[in-house]
Protein backbone atom coordinates (compact mmCIF):
# COMPACT_ATOMS: atom_id res chain seq x y z
CA UNK A 1 0.00 0.00 0.00
CA UNK A 2 1.02 3.57 -0.69
CA UNK A 3 0.15 7.04 0.53
CA UNK A 4 -1.03 9.27 -2.31
CA UNK A 5 -1.72 12.97 -2.14
CA UNK A 6 -2.56 15.24 -5.05
CA UNK A 7 -1.66 18.91 -4.95
CA UNK A 8 -3.03 21.33 -7.56
CA UNK A 9 -1.27 24.62 -8.10
CA UNK A 10 -1.11 27.03 -11.03
CA UNK A 11 -2.37 24.48 -13.54
CA UNK A 12 -0.06 21.71 -12.33
CA UNK A 13 -1.22 18.39 -10.92
CA UNK A 14 1.48 17.37 -8.47
CA UNK A 15 1.23 13.81 -7.24
CA UNK A 16 3.15 12.73 -4.14
CA UNK A 17 3.37 8.98 -3.52
CA UNK A 18 5.36 7.05 -0.93
CA UNK A 19 5.58 3.52 0.37
CA UNK A 20 3.30 3.30 3.42
CA UNK A 21 6.02 2.23 5.87
CA UNK A 22 8.36 5.18 5.26
CA UNK A 23 5.88 8.01 5.87
CA UNK A 24 7.33 10.46 8.40
CA UNK A 25 10.88 9.13 8.14
CA UNK A 26 14.09 10.94 7.17
CA UNK A 27 16.88 9.55 5.01
CA UNK A 28 20.38 10.88 4.43
CA UNK A 29 23.22 9.77 2.19
CA UNK A 30 26.20 12.12 1.91
CA UNK A 31 24.88 15.53 0.87
CA UNK A 32 21.50 14.07 -0.14
CA UNK A 33 18.68 14.02 2.35
CA UNK A 34 14.96 13.42 2.10
CA UNK A 35 12.13 13.73 4.57
CA UNK A 36 8.93 11.88 3.75
CA UNK A 37 6.86 14.72 5.16
CA UNK A 38 3.32 13.81 6.23
CA UNK A 39 1.95 17.19 5.13
CA UNK A 40 3.16 16.59 1.56
CA UNK A 41 2.72 12.80 1.19
CA UNK A 42 -0.04 11.68 3.56
CA UNK A 43 -3.28 11.48 1.69
CA UNK A 44 -5.27 8.42 0.76
CA UNK A 45 -3.93 4.93 1.31
CA UNK A 46 -4.10 3.29 -2.14
CA UNK A 47 -3.08 0.14 -3.98
CA UNK A 48 -0.59 0.01 -6.85
CA UNK A 49 -3.28 0.35 -9.54
CA UNK A 50 -4.59 3.60 -8.06
CA UNK A 51 -1.06 4.93 -7.63
CA UNK A 52 -0.23 4.27 -11.30
CA UNK A 53 -3.51 5.89 -12.43
CA UNK A 54 -2.63 8.99 -10.42
CA UNK A 55 0.77 9.14 -12.12
CA UNK A 56 -0.93 8.98 -15.54
CA UNK A 57 -2.85 12.15 -14.68
CA UNK A 58 0.07 14.02 -13.09
CA UNK A 59 2.08 16.83 -14.62
CA UNK A 60 4.63 16.33 -11.84
CA UNK A 61 5.12 13.27 -9.64
CA UNK A 62 7.37 13.00 -6.61
CA UNK A 63 7.77 9.39 -5.52
CA UNK A 64 9.81 7.81 -2.76
CA UNK A 65 10.11 4.23 -1.61
CA UNK A 66 11.56 1.13 -3.18
CA UNK A 67 8.19 -0.45 -3.99
CA UNK A 68 6.59 2.59 -5.62
CA UNK A 69 9.71 3.54 -7.59
CA UNK A 70 10.11 -0.05 -8.85
CA UNK A 71 6.46 -0.04 -9.92
CA UNK A 72 6.93 3.29 -11.71
CA UNK A 73 9.94 1.82 -13.53
CA UNK A 74 7.98 -1.33 -14.46
CA UNK A 75 5.16 0.85 -15.84
CA UNK A 76 7.61 2.96 -17.89
CA UNK A 77 7.04 6.21 -15.98
CA UNK A 78 10.62 6.38 -14.71
CA UNK A 79 13.94 5.50 -16.32
CA UNK A 80 15.99 3.51 -13.78
CA UNK A 81 19.05 5.58 -14.66
CA UNK A 82 17.32 8.63 -13.18
CA UNK A 83 16.62 7.16 -9.74
CA UNK A 84 18.38 8.46 -6.65
CA UNK A 85 19.27 6.15 -3.79
CA UNK A 86 19.18 7.92 -0.45
CA UNK A 87 20.25 5.65 2.39
CA UNK A 88 18.91 2.59 0.54
CA UNK A 89 15.58 4.22 -0.34
CA UNK A 90 14.75 5.01 -3.97
CA UNK A 91 13.49 8.45 -4.99
CA UNK A 92 12.42 9.72 -8.40
CA UNK A 93 10.56 12.59 -9.97
CA UNK A 94 8.46 12.75 -13.11
CA UNK A 95 7.80 15.92 -15.04
CA UNK A 96 5.53 15.83 -18.07
CA UNK A 97 6.54 18.38 -20.68
CA UNK A 98 3.78 19.88 -22.82
CA UNK A 99 3.75 19.12 -26.50
CA UNK A 100 5.29 22.23 -28.06
CA UNK A 101 4.42 21.40 -31.66
PDB file of N, CA and C in Angstrom:
ATOM      1  N   UNK A   1       0.838  -1.186   0.000  1.00  0.00           N
ATOM      2  CA  UNK A   1       0.000   0.000   0.000  1.00  0.00           C
ATOM      3  C   UNK A   1       0.884   1.251   0.000  1.00  0.00           C
ATOM      4  N   UNK A   2       0.287   2.330  -0.491  1.00  0.00           N
ATOM      5  CA  UNK A   2       1.025   3.574  -0.685  1.00  0.00           C
ATOM      6  C   UNK A   2       0.171   4.746  -0.228  1.00  0.00           C
ATOM      7  N   UNK A   3       0.844   5.788   0.274  1.00  0.00           N
ATOM      8  CA  UNK A   3       0.149   7.040   0.531  1.00  0.00           C
ATOM      9  C   UNK A   3       0.224   7.881  -0.731  1.00  0.00           C
ATOM     10  N   UNK A   4      -0.900   8.457  -1.107  1.00  0.00           N
ATOM     11  CA  UNK A   4      -1.027   9.269  -2.313  1.00  0.00           C
ATOM     12  C   UNK A   4      -1.727  10.571  -1.958  1.00  0.00           C
ATOM     13  N   UNK A   5      -1.095  11.667  -2.337  1.00  0.00           N
ATOM     14  CA  UNK A   5      -1.719  12.974  -2.142  1.00  0.00           C
ATOM     15  C   UNK A   5      -1.532  13.780  -3.417  1.00  0.00           C
ATOM     16  N   UNK A   6      -2.603  14.416  -3.851  1.00  0.00           N
ATOM     17  CA  UNK A   6      -2.562  15.237  -5.047  1.00  0.00           C
ATOM     18  C   UNK A   6      -2.638  16.701  -4.644  1.00  0.00           C
ATOM     19  N   UNK A   7      -1.711  17.473  -5.189  1.00  0.00           N
ATOM     20  CA  UNK A   7      -1.659  18.914  -4.952  1.00  0.00           C
ATOM     21  C   UNK A   7      -1.908  19.593  -6.295  1.00  0.00           C
ATOM     22  N   UNK A   8      -2.777  20.585  -6.322  1.00  0.00           N
ATOM     23  CA  UNK A   8      -3.028  21.329  -7.559  1.00  0.00           C
ATOM     24  C   UNK A   8      -2.629  22.776  -7.340  1.00  0.00           C
ATOM     25  N   UNK A   9      -1.760  23.258  -8.238  1.00  0.00           N
ATOM     26  CA  UNK A   9      -1.270  24.623  -8.099  1.00  0.00           C
ATOM     27  C   UNK A   9      -0.894  25.164  -9.472  1.00  0.00           C
ATOM     28  N   UNK A  10      -1.438  26.323  -9.800  1.00  0.00           N
ATOM     29  CA  UNK A  10      -1.107  27.034 -11.032  1.00  0.00           C
ATOM     30  C   UNK A  10      -1.151  26.132 -12.262  1.00  0.00           C
ATOM     31  N   UNK A  11      -2.199  25.338 -12.378  1.00  0.00           N
ATOM     32  CA  UNK A  11      -2.375  24.476 -13.537  1.00  0.00           C
ATOM     33  C   UNK A  11      -1.615  23.171 -13.494  1.00  0.00           C
ATOM     34  N   UNK A  12      -0.819  22.955 -12.464  1.00  0.00           N
ATOM     35  CA  UNK A  12      -0.056  21.715 -12.327  1.00  0.00           C
ATOM     36  C   UNK A  12      -0.817  20.729 -11.438  1.00  0.00           C
ATOM     37  N   UNK A  13      -0.696  19.463 -11.762  1.00  0.00           N
ATOM     38  CA  UNK A  13      -1.225  18.392 -10.919  1.00  0.00           C
ATOM     39  C   UNK A  13      -0.008  17.659 -10.369  1.00  0.00           C
ATOM     40  N   UNK A  14       0.300  17.930  -9.112  1.00  0.00           N
ATOM     41  CA  UNK A  14       1.484  17.375  -8.467  1.00  0.00           C
ATOM     42  C   UNK A  14       1.046  16.189  -7.613  1.00  0.00           C
ATOM     43  N   UNK A  15       1.573  15.028  -7.949  1.00  0.00           N
ATOM     44  CA  UNK A  15       1.226  13.812  -7.240  1.00  0.00           C
ATOM     45  C   UNK A  15       2.409  13.406  -6.367  1.00  0.00           C
ATOM     46  N   UNK A  16       2.137  13.193  -5.091  1.00  0.00           N
ATOM     47  CA  UNK A  16       3.152  12.732  -4.139  1.00  0.00           C
ATOM     48  C   UNK A  16       2.754  11.329  -3.693  1.00  0.00           C
ATOM     49  N   UNK A  17       3.662  10.372  -3.881  1.00  0.00           N
ATOM     50  CA  UNK A  17       3.373   8.983  -3.520  1.00  0.00           C
ATOM     51  C   UNK A  17       4.573   8.418  -2.761  1.00  0.00           C
ATOM     52  N   UNK A  18       4.286   7.719  -1.679  1.00  0.00           N
ATOM     53  CA  UNK A  18       5.363   7.052  -0.934  1.00  0.00           C
ATOM     54  C   UNK A  18       4.897   5.684  -0.458  1.00  0.00           C
ATOM     55  N   UNK A  19       5.867   4.805  -0.255  1.00  0.00           N
ATOM     56  CA  UNK A  19       5.575   3.523   0.374  1.00  0.00           C
ATOM     57  C   UNK A  19       5.017   3.798   1.770  1.00  0.00           C
ATOM     58  N   UNK A  20       3.995   3.070   2.147  1.00  0.00           N
ATOM     59  CA  UNK A  20       3.302   3.295   3.420  1.00  0.00           C
ATOM     60  C   UNK A  20       4.249   3.327   4.618  1.00  0.00           C
ATOM     61  N   UNK A  21       5.197   2.393   4.659  1.00  0.00           N
ATOM     62  CA  UNK A  21       6.017   2.225   5.867  1.00  0.00           C
ATOM     63  C   UNK A  21       7.090   3.289   6.056  1.00  0.00           C
ATOM     64  N   UNK A  22       7.306   4.163   5.075  1.00  0.00           N
ATOM     65  CA  UNK A  22       8.357   5.178   5.261  1.00  0.00           C
ATOM     66  C   UNK A  22       7.802   6.572   5.534  1.00  0.00           C
ATOM     67  N   UNK A  23       6.484   6.710   5.592  1.00  0.00           N
ATOM     68  CA  UNK A  23       5.882   8.012   5.869  1.00  0.00           C
ATOM     69  C   UNK A  23       6.407   8.554   7.202  1.00  0.00           C
ATOM     70  N   UNK A  24       6.843   9.797   7.196  1.00  0.00           N
ATOM     71  CA  UNK A  24       7.330  10.458   8.399  1.00  0.00           C
ATOM     72  C   UNK A  24       8.804  10.229   8.700  1.00  0.00           C
ATOM     73  N   UNK A  25       9.474   9.433   7.883  1.00  0.00           N
ATOM     74  CA  UNK A  25      10.884   9.132   8.135  1.00  0.00           C
ATOM     75  C   UNK A  25      11.801  10.070   7.356  1.00  0.00           C
ATOM     76  N   UNK A  26      13.063  10.135   7.819  1.00  0.00           N
ATOM     77  CA  UNK A  26      14.090  10.943   7.170  1.00  0.00           C
ATOM     78  C   UNK A  26      15.216  10.022   6.717  1.00  0.00           C
ATOM     79  N   UNK A  27      15.780  10.338   5.559  1.00  0.00           N
ATOM     80  CA  UNK A  27      16.878   9.555   5.008  1.00  0.00           C
ATOM     81  C   UNK A  27      17.988  10.489   4.583  1.00  0.00           C
ATOM     82  N   UNK A  28      19.241  10.046   4.789  1.00  0.00           N
ATOM     83  CA  UNK A  28      20.381  10.879   4.431  1.00  0.00           C
ATOM     84  C   UNK A  28      21.482   9.992   3.873  1.00  0.00           C
ATOM     85  N   UNK A  29      22.109  10.476   2.802  1.00  0.00           N
ATOM     86  CA  UNK A  29      23.225   9.770   2.187  1.00  0.00           C
ATOM     87  C   UNK A  29      24.174  10.823   1.632  1.00  0.00           C
ATOM     88  N   UNK A  30      25.285  11.061   2.323  1.00  0.00           N
ATOM     89  CA  UNK A  30      26.202  12.119   1.915  1.00  0.00           C
ATOM     90  C   UNK A  30      25.509  13.459   2.005  1.00  0.00           C
ATOM     91  N   UNK A  31      25.522  14.208   0.904  1.00  0.00           N
ATOM     92  CA  UNK A  31      24.876  15.525   0.875  1.00  0.00           C
ATOM     93  C   UNK A  31      23.380  15.431   0.583  1.00  0.00           C
ATOM     94  N   UNK A  32      22.914  14.251   0.168  1.00  0.00           N
ATOM     95  CA  UNK A  32      21.499  14.072  -0.143  1.00  0.00           C
ATOM     96  C   UNK A  32      20.718  13.744   1.113  1.00  0.00           C
ATOM     97  N   UNK A  33      19.571  14.376   1.252  1.00  0.00           N
ATOM     98  CA  UNK A  33      18.681  14.021   2.346  1.00  0.00           C
ATOM     99  C   UNK A  33      17.241  14.188   1.900  1.00  0.00           C
ATOM    100  N   UNK A  34      16.362  13.398   2.491  1.00  0.00           N
ATOM    101  CA  UNK A  34      14.963  13.416   2.103  1.00  0.00           C
ATOM    102  C   UNK A  34      14.114  13.151   3.331  1.00  0.00           C
ATOM    103  N   UNK A  35      13.101  13.962   3.510  1.00  0.00           N
ATOM    104  CA  UNK A  35      12.126  13.731   4.566  1.00  0.00           C
ATOM    105  C   UNK A  35      10.802  13.396   3.900  1.00  0.00           C
ATOM    106  N   UNK A  36      10.226  12.288   4.296  1.00  0.00           N
ATOM    107  CA  UNK A  36       8.933  11.879   3.750  1.00  0.00           C
ATOM    108  C   UNK A  36       7.872  12.548   4.628  1.00  0.00           C
ATOM    109  N   UNK A  37       7.682  13.830   4.362  1.00  0.00           N
ATOM    110  CA  UNK A  37       6.859  14.722   5.165  1.00  0.00           C
ATOM    111  C   UNK A  37       5.374  14.359   5.065  1.00  0.00           C
ATOM    112  N   UNK A  38       4.742  14.186   6.218  1.00  0.00           N
ATOM    113  CA  UNK A  38       3.325  13.814   6.229  1.00  0.00           C
ATOM    114  C   UNK A  38       2.441  14.862   5.567  1.00  0.00           C
ATOM    115  N   UNK A  39       2.768  16.128   5.728  1.00  0.00           N
ATOM    116  CA  UNK A  39       1.954  17.193   5.133  1.00  0.00           C
ATOM    117  C   UNK A  39       1.935  17.091   3.603  1.00  0.00           C
ATOM    118  N   UNK A  40       3.060  16.683   3.020  1.00  0.00           N
ATOM    119  CA  UNK A  40       3.163  16.591   1.565  1.00  0.00           C
ATOM    120  C   UNK A  40       2.678  15.246   1.025  1.00  0.00           C
ATOM    121  N   UNK A  41       2.987  14.147   1.724  1.00  0.00           N
ATOM    122  CA  UNK A  41       2.717  12.804   1.195  1.00  0.00           C
ATOM    123  C   UNK A  41       1.461  12.139   1.736  1.00  0.00           C
ATOM    124  N   UNK A  42       1.052  12.437   2.963  1.00  0.00           N
ATOM    125  CA  UNK A  42      -0.045  11.676   3.565  1.00  0.00           C
ATOM    126  C   UNK A  42      -1.391  12.130   3.040  1.00  0.00           C
ATOM    127  N   UNK A  43      -1.943  11.268   2.233  1.00  0.00           N
ATOM    128  CA  UNK A  43      -3.275  11.479   1.695  1.00  0.00           C
ATOM    129  C   UNK A  43      -4.028  10.175   1.846  1.00  0.00           C
ATOM    130  N   UNK A  44      -4.550   9.687   0.737  1.00  0.00           N
ATOM    131  CA  UNK A  44      -5.272   8.424   0.758  1.00  0.00           C
ATOM    132  C   UNK A  44      -4.305   7.250   0.728  1.00  0.00           C
ATOM    133  N   UNK A  45      -4.671   6.180   1.374  1.00  0.00           N
ATOM    134  CA  UNK A  45      -3.931   4.932   1.312  1.00  0.00           C
ATOM    135  C   UNK A  45      -4.486   4.156   0.117  1.00  0.00           C
ATOM    136  N   UNK A  46      -3.625   3.888  -0.878  1.00  0.00           N
ATOM    137  CA  UNK A  46      -4.096   3.293  -2.137  1.00  0.00           C
ATOM    138  C   UNK A  46      -3.265   2.068  -2.507  1.00  0.00           C
ATOM    139  N   UNK A  47      -3.818   1.287  -3.449  1.00  0.00           N
ATOM    140  CA  UNK A  47      -3.078   0.143  -3.977  1.00  0.00           C
ATOM    141  C   UNK A  47      -2.249   0.593  -5.184  1.00  0.00           C
ATOM    142  N   UNK A  48      -1.497  -0.321  -5.751  1.00  0.00           N
ATOM    143  CA  UNK A  48      -0.592   0.009  -6.847  1.00  0.00           C
ATOM    144  C   UNK A  48      -1.349   0.509  -8.082  1.00  0.00           C
ATOM    145  N   UNK A  49      -2.504  -0.068  -8.369  1.00  0.00           N
ATOM    146  CA  UNK A  49      -3.280   0.352  -9.537  1.00  0.00           C
ATOM    147  C   UNK A  49      -3.704   1.813  -9.426  1.00  0.00           C
ATOM    148  N   UNK A  50      -4.189   2.206  -8.267  1.00  0.00           N
ATOM    149  CA  UNK A  50      -4.593   3.601  -8.063  1.00  0.00           C
ATOM    150  C   UNK A  50      -3.403   4.546  -8.107  1.00  0.00           C
ATOM    151  N   UNK A  51      -2.268   4.105  -7.589  1.00  0.00           N
ATOM    152  CA  UNK A  51      -1.061   4.933  -7.631  1.00  0.00           C
ATOM    153  C   UNK A  51      -0.618   5.167  -9.073  1.00  0.00           C
ATOM    154  N   UNK A  52      -0.644   4.122  -9.898  1.00  0.00           N
ATOM    155  CA  UNK A  52      -0.235   4.267 -11.298  1.00  0.00           C
ATOM    156  C   UNK A  52      -1.228   5.140 -12.069  1.00  0.00           C
ATOM    157  N   UNK A  53      -2.510   5.025 -11.780  1.00  0.00           N
ATOM    158  CA  UNK A  53      -3.510   5.886 -12.425  1.00  0.00           C
ATOM    159  C   UNK A  53      -3.285   7.348 -12.076  1.00  0.00           C
ATOM    160  N   UNK A  54      -2.918   7.613 -10.835  1.00  0.00           N
ATOM    161  CA  UNK A  54      -2.631   8.994 -10.424  1.00  0.00           C
ATOM    162  C   UNK A  54      -1.427   9.529 -11.179  1.00  0.00           C
ATOM    163  N   UNK A  55      -0.416   8.702 -11.393  1.00  0.00           N
ATOM    164  CA  UNK A  55       0.769   9.144 -12.125  1.00  0.00           C
ATOM    165  C   UNK A  55       0.426   9.453 -13.582  1.00  0.00           C
ATOM    166  N   UNK A  56      -0.511   8.717 -14.150  1.00  0.00           N
ATOM    167  CA  UNK A  56      -0.929   8.975 -15.540  1.00  0.00           C
ATOM    168  C   UNK A  56      -1.540  10.369 -15.690  1.00  0.00           C
ATOM    169  N   UNK A  57      -2.171  10.860 -14.629  1.00  0.00           N
ATOM    170  CA  UNK A  57      -2.851  12.152 -14.676  1.00  0.00           C
ATOM    171  C   UNK A  57      -2.003  13.297 -14.149  1.00  0.00           C
ATOM    172  N   UNK A  58      -0.790  13.004 -13.704  1.00  0.00           N
ATOM    173  CA  UNK A  58       0.066  14.019 -13.091  1.00  0.00           C
ATOM    174  C   UNK A  58       0.857  14.799 -14.137  1.00  0.00           C
ATOM    175  N   UNK A  59       1.108  16.059 -13.837  1.00  0.00           N
ATOM    176  CA  UNK A  59       2.079  16.826 -14.624  1.00  0.00           C
ATOM    177  C   UNK A  59       3.445  16.751 -13.944  1.00  0.00           C
ATOM    178  N   UNK A  60       3.412  16.524 -12.624  1.00  0.00           N
ATOM    179  CA  UNK A  60       4.633  16.332 -11.841  1.00  0.00           C
ATOM    180  C   UNK A  60       4.338  15.230 -10.824  1.00  0.00           C
ATOM    181  N   UNK A  61       5.274  14.299 -10.669  1.00  0.00           N
ATOM    182  CA  UNK A  61       5.119  13.267  -9.642  1.00  0.00           C
ATOM    183  C   UNK A  61       6.405  13.208  -8.827  1.00  0.00           C
ATOM    184  N   UNK A  62       6.252  13.117  -7.537  1.00  0.00           N
ATOM    185  CA  UNK A  62       7.368  12.997  -6.610  1.00  0.00           C
ATOM    186  C   UNK A  62       7.136  11.696  -5.860  1.00  0.00           C
ATOM    187  N   UNK A  63       8.000  10.704  -6.097  1.00  0.00           N
ATOM    188  CA  UNK A  63       7.770   9.388  -5.515  1.00  0.00           C
ATOM    189  C   UNK A  63       8.995   8.930  -4.735  1.00  0.00           C
ATOM    190  N   UNK A  64       8.726   8.307  -3.593  1.00  0.00           N
ATOM    191  CA  UNK A  64       9.815   7.806  -2.764  1.00  0.00           C
ATOM    192  C   UNK A  64       9.400   6.491  -2.113  1.00  0.00           C
ATOM    193  N   UNK A  65      10.336   5.569  -2.154  1.00  0.00           N
ATOM    194  CA  UNK A  65      10.111   4.232  -1.606  1.00  0.00           C
ATOM    195  C   UNK A  65      10.473   3.204  -2.660  1.00  0.00           C
ATOM    196  N   UNK A  66      11.085   2.129  -2.228  1.00  0.00           N
ATOM    197  CA  UNK A  66      11.560   1.130  -3.178  1.00  0.00           C
ATOM    198  C   UNK A  66      10.424   0.481  -3.959  1.00  0.00           C
ATOM    199  N   UNK A  67       9.298   0.213  -3.304  1.00  0.00           N
ATOM    200  CA  UNK A  67       8.186  -0.454  -3.991  1.00  0.00           C
ATOM    201  C   UNK A  67       7.544   0.453  -5.039  1.00  0.00           C
ATOM    202  N   UNK A  68       7.266   1.697  -4.676  1.00  0.00           N
ATOM    203  CA  UNK A  68       6.591   2.588  -5.622  1.00  0.00           C
ATOM    204  C   UNK A  68       7.513   2.974  -6.767  1.00  0.00           C
ATOM    205  N   UNK A  69       8.780   3.192  -6.507  1.00  0.00           N
ATOM    206  CA  UNK A  69       9.708   3.539  -7.585  1.00  0.00           C
ATOM    207  C   UNK A  69       9.881   2.347  -8.530  1.00  0.00           C
ATOM    208  N   UNK A  70      10.013   1.139  -7.979  1.00  0.00           N
ATOM    209  CA  UNK A  70      10.113  -0.046  -8.845  1.00  0.00           C
ATOM    210  C   UNK A  70       8.870  -0.206  -9.708  1.00  0.00           C
ATOM    211  N   UNK A  71       7.695   0.047  -9.147  1.00  0.00           N
ATOM    212  CA  UNK A  71       6.456  -0.045  -9.922  1.00  0.00           C
ATOM    213  C   UNK A  71       6.421   1.016 -11.016  1.00  0.00           C
ATOM    214  N   UNK A  72       6.888   2.219 -10.709  1.00  0.00           N
ATOM    215  CA  UNK A  72       6.934   3.291 -11.712  1.00  0.00           C
ATOM    216  C   UNK A  72       7.894   2.940 -12.841  1.00  0.00           C
ATOM    217  N   UNK A  73       8.996   2.280 -12.505  1.00  0.00           N
ATOM    218  CA  UNK A  73       9.939   1.823 -13.528  1.00  0.00           C
ATOM    219  C   UNK A  73       9.276   0.741 -14.387  1.00  0.00           C
ATOM    220  N   UNK A  74       8.644  -0.241 -13.749  1.00  0.00           N
ATOM    221  CA  UNK A  74       7.982  -1.334 -14.463  1.00  0.00           C
ATOM    222  C   UNK A  74       6.890  -0.827 -15.405  1.00  0.00           C
ATOM    223  N   UNK A  75       6.237   0.277 -15.027  1.00  0.00           N
ATOM    224  CA  UNK A  75       5.161   0.851 -15.837  1.00  0.00           C
ATOM    225  C   UNK A  75       5.650   1.942 -16.784  1.00  0.00           C
ATOM    226  N   UNK A  76       6.963   2.058 -16.923  1.00  0.00           N
ATOM    227  CA  UNK A  76       7.614   2.957 -17.889  1.00  0.00           C
ATOM    228  C   UNK A  76       7.409   4.445 -17.608  1.00  0.00           C
ATOM    229  N   UNK A  77       7.115   4.795 -16.350  1.00  0.00           N
ATOM    230  CA  UNK A  77       7.040   6.206 -15.985  1.00  0.00           C
ATOM    231  C   UNK A  77       8.426   6.773 -15.705  1.00  0.00           C
ATOM    232  N   UNK A  78       9.311   5.948 -15.168  1.00  0.00           N
ATOM    233  CA  UNK A  78      10.624   6.378 -14.705  1.00  0.00           C
ATOM    234  C   UNK A  78      11.702   5.533 -15.358  1.00  0.00           C
ATOM    235  N   UNK A  79      12.763   6.197 -15.817  1.00  0.00           N
ATOM    236  CA  UNK A  79      13.940   5.504 -16.319  1.00  0.00           C
ATOM    237  C   UNK A  79      14.810   5.149 -15.111  1.00  0.00           C
ATOM    238  N   UNK A  80      15.204   3.877 -14.962  1.00  0.00           N
ATOM    239  CA  UNK A  80      15.989   3.507 -13.778  1.00  0.00           C
ATOM    240  C   UNK A  80      17.304   4.257 -13.648  1.00  0.00           C
ATOM    241  N   UNK A  81      17.813   4.804 -14.727  1.00  0.00           N
ATOM    242  CA  UNK A  81      19.055   5.578 -14.663  1.00  0.00           C
ATOM    243  C   UNK A  81      18.863   6.916 -13.956  1.00  0.00           C
ATOM    244  N   UNK A  82      17.616   7.334 -13.786  1.00  0.00           N
ATOM    245  CA  UNK A  82      17.320   8.629 -13.176  1.00  0.00           C
ATOM    246  C   UNK A  82      16.830   8.516 -11.732  1.00  0.00           C
ATOM    247  N   UNK A  83      17.068   7.387 -11.110  1.00  0.00           N
ATOM    248  CA  UNK A  83      16.616   7.155  -9.743  1.00  0.00           C
ATOM    249  C   UNK A  83      17.749   7.452  -8.764  1.00  0.00           C
ATOM    250  N   UNK A  84      17.426   8.208  -7.733  1.00  0.00           N
ATOM    251  CA  UNK A  84      18.380   8.456  -6.651  1.00  0.00           C
ATOM    252  C   UNK A  84      18.208   7.398  -5.573  1.00  0.00           C
ATOM    253  N   UNK A  85      19.303   7.045  -4.938  1.00  0.00           N
ATOM    254  CA  UNK A  85      19.265   6.154  -3.790  1.00  0.00           C
ATOM    255  C   UNK A  85      19.744   6.963  -2.590  1.00  0.00           C
ATOM    256  N   UNK A  86      18.855   7.145  -1.644  1.00  0.00           N
ATOM    257  CA  UNK A  86      19.179   7.920  -0.454  1.00  0.00           C
ATOM    258  C   UNK A  86      19.057   6.986   0.744  1.00  0.00           C
ATOM    259  N   UNK A  87      20.193   6.560   1.239  1.00  0.00           N
ATOM    260  CA  UNK A  87      20.247   5.651   2.389  1.00  0.00           C
ATOM    261  C   UNK A  87      19.462   4.360   2.126  1.00  0.00           C
ATOM    262  N   UNK A  88      19.578   3.844   0.899  1.00  0.00           N
ATOM    263  CA  UNK A  88      18.914   2.591   0.544  1.00  0.00           C
ATOM    264  C   UNK A  88      17.467   2.732   0.129  1.00  0.00           C
ATOM    265  N   UNK A  89      16.967   3.967   0.046  1.00  0.00           N
ATOM    266  CA  UNK A  89      15.579   4.218  -0.339  1.00  0.00           C
ATOM    267  C   UNK A  89      15.572   4.951  -1.681  1.00  0.00           C
ATOM    268  N   UNK A  90      14.806   4.426  -2.626  1.00  0.00           N
ATOM    269  CA  UNK A  90      14.751   5.008  -3.966  1.00  0.00           C
ATOM    270  C   UNK A  90      13.840   6.231  -4.000  1.00  0.00           C
ATOM    271  N   UNK A  91      14.260   7.207  -4.810  1.00  0.00           N
ATOM    272  CA  UNK A  91      13.489   8.449  -4.993  1.00  0.00           C
ATOM    273  C   UNK A  91      13.570   8.852  -6.457  1.00  0.00           C
ATOM    274  N   UNK A  92      12.446   9.268  -7.007  1.00  0.00           N
ATOM    275  CA  UNK A  92      12.419   9.716  -8.400  1.00  0.00           C
ATOM    276  C   UNK A  92      11.347  10.785  -8.570  1.00  0.00           C
ATOM    277  N   UNK A  93      11.533  11.572  -9.617  1.00  0.00           N
ATOM    278  CA  UNK A  93      10.557  12.593  -9.974  1.00  0.00           C
ATOM    279  C   UNK A  93      10.201  12.438 -11.442  1.00  0.00           C
ATOM    280  N   UNK A  94       8.972  12.778 -11.743  1.00  0.00           N
ATOM    281  CA  UNK A  94       8.461  12.745 -13.110  1.00  0.00           C
ATOM    282  C   UNK A  94       7.924  14.124 -13.438  1.00  0.00           C
ATOM    283  N   UNK A  95       8.341  14.644 -14.563  1.00  0.00           N
ATOM    284  CA  UNK A  95       7.803  15.924 -15.045  1.00  0.00           C
ATOM    285  C   UNK A  95       7.340  15.701 -16.478  1.00  0.00           C
ATOM    286  N   UNK A  96       6.092  16.001 -16.732  1.00  0.00           N
ATOM    287  CA  UNK A  96       5.533  15.835 -18.065  1.00  0.00           C
ATOM    288  C   UNK A  96       5.638  17.176 -18.787  1.00  0.00           C
ATOM    289  N   UNK A  97       6.361  17.166 -19.883  1.00  0.00           N
ATOM    290  CA  UNK A  97       6.544  18.375 -20.682  1.00  0.00           C
ATOM    291  C   UNK A  97       5.391  18.501 -21.673  1.00  0.00           C
ATOM    292  N   UNK A  98       4.867  19.709 -21.849  1.00  0.00           N
ATOM    293  CA  UNK A  98       3.783  19.880 -22.818  1.00  0.00           C
ATOM    294  C   UNK A  98       4.294  19.680 -24.237  1.00  0.00           C
ATOM    295  N   UNK A  99       3.413  19.261 -25.093  1.00  0.00           N
ATOM    296  CA  UNK A  99       3.747  19.124 -26.503  1.00  0.00           C
ATOM    297  C   UNK A  99       3.860  20.520 -27.107  1.00  0.00           C
ATOM    298  N   UNK A 100       5.030  20.863 -27.561  1.00  0.00           N
ATOM    299  CA  UNK A 100       5.288  22.225 -28.057  1.00  0.00           C
ATOM    300  C   UNK A 100       5.111  22.355 -29.558  1.00  0.00           C
ATOM    301  N   UNK A 101       4.604  21.328 -30.194  1.00  0.00           N
ATOM    302  CA  UNK A 101       4.416  21.397 -31.655  1.00  0.00           C
ATOM    303  C   UNK A 101       3.194  22.183 -32.020  1.00  0.00           C
TER     304      UNK A 101
END
